[in-house]
Protein backbone atom coordinates (compact mmCIF):
# COMPACT_ATOMS: atom_id res chain seq x y z
CA MET A 1 44.69 -20.30 -11.66
CA ILE A 2 42.16 -19.27 -14.28
CA ALA A 3 40.11 -16.43 -12.75
CA HIS A 4 37.54 -16.07 -15.53
CA VAL A 5 36.72 -17.09 -19.09
CA ARG A 6 34.93 -15.08 -21.76
CA GLY A 7 33.47 -16.05 -25.10
CA PRO A 8 30.35 -17.02 -26.97
CA VAL A 9 28.42 -20.02 -25.67
CA ALA A 10 28.79 -22.91 -28.13
CA ALA A 11 26.76 -25.55 -26.25
CA VAL A 12 24.83 -26.03 -23.03
CA THR A 13 23.99 -29.26 -21.14
CA LEU A 14 22.35 -29.86 -17.77
CA THR A 15 25.68 -29.60 -15.93
CA SER A 16 28.10 -27.73 -18.20
CA ALA A 17 28.61 -25.25 -21.00
CA VAL A 18 31.15 -25.02 -23.80
CA LEU A 19 32.58 -21.55 -24.42
CA ASP A 20 34.55 -20.69 -27.55
CA VAL A 21 37.63 -19.11 -25.98
CA GLY A 22 40.11 -17.99 -28.63
CA GLY A 23 39.05 -20.72 -31.03
CA VAL A 24 39.17 -23.48 -28.37
CA GLY A 25 35.99 -25.08 -27.01
CA LEU A 26 36.40 -24.93 -23.24
CA GLN A 27 34.01 -27.09 -21.20
CA VAL A 28 33.03 -25.40 -17.95
CA MET A 29 31.03 -27.21 -15.27
CA CYS A 30 28.30 -24.87 -13.97
CA THR A 31 25.66 -24.61 -11.27
CA PRO A 32 22.01 -24.89 -12.35
CA GLY A 33 21.53 -21.17 -11.67
CA THR A 34 24.40 -20.25 -13.98
CA ILE A 35 23.25 -22.69 -16.68
CA ALA A 36 19.82 -21.02 -16.66
CA THR A 37 21.38 -17.69 -17.68
CA LEU A 38 23.34 -19.03 -20.67
CA ARG A 39 22.14 -18.83 -24.29
CA ILE A 40 23.90 -20.39 -27.28
CA GLY A 41 25.67 -17.73 -29.36
CA ARG A 42 25.64 -15.11 -26.61
CA GLU A 43 28.98 -13.86 -25.27
CA VAL A 44 29.41 -14.37 -21.53
CA GLN A 45 32.07 -14.02 -18.89
CA LEU A 46 32.15 -16.61 -16.12
CA SER A 47 34.17 -16.43 -12.92
CA THR A 48 35.99 -19.73 -12.54
CA SER A 49 37.66 -22.10 -10.13
CA MET A 50 39.97 -24.82 -11.43
CA VAL A 51 40.36 -28.15 -9.64
CA VAL A 52 43.52 -30.12 -10.43
CA ARG A 53 43.49 -33.85 -9.75
CA GLU A 54 45.83 -36.64 -10.69
CA ASP A 55 43.65 -37.67 -13.63
CA SER A 56 41.79 -34.46 -14.58
CA LEU A 57 41.69 -30.68 -14.78
CA THR A 58 38.14 -29.39 -14.18
CA ILE A 59 37.00 -25.80 -14.55
CA PHE A 60 33.90 -24.73 -12.64
CA GLY A 61 32.10 -21.59 -13.85
CA PHE A 62 29.90 -19.17 -11.93
CA ALA A 63 27.79 -16.22 -13.05
CA THR A 64 29.38 -13.87 -10.49
CA PRO A 65 32.56 -13.71 -8.40
CA ASP A 66 30.41 -13.79 -5.24
CA GLU A 67 28.83 -17.08 -6.33
CA ARG A 68 32.31 -18.51 -6.91
CA ASP A 69 33.57 -17.39 -3.50
């Protein structure tokens, strides 16, 4: 399980953000409330939940651990 990710925000869309984590662009699906707090270039830490399916690995990011839980 990936408990959190940290890095500068590289891109933001309506449903996700890309964080530069150790030189890798990691797409994180986010709630609208979390998306509203993100700014390109700013370093953030997001609490995460990873969903593993047969055809995909999806990481969901949240502004706080309480929001994730």
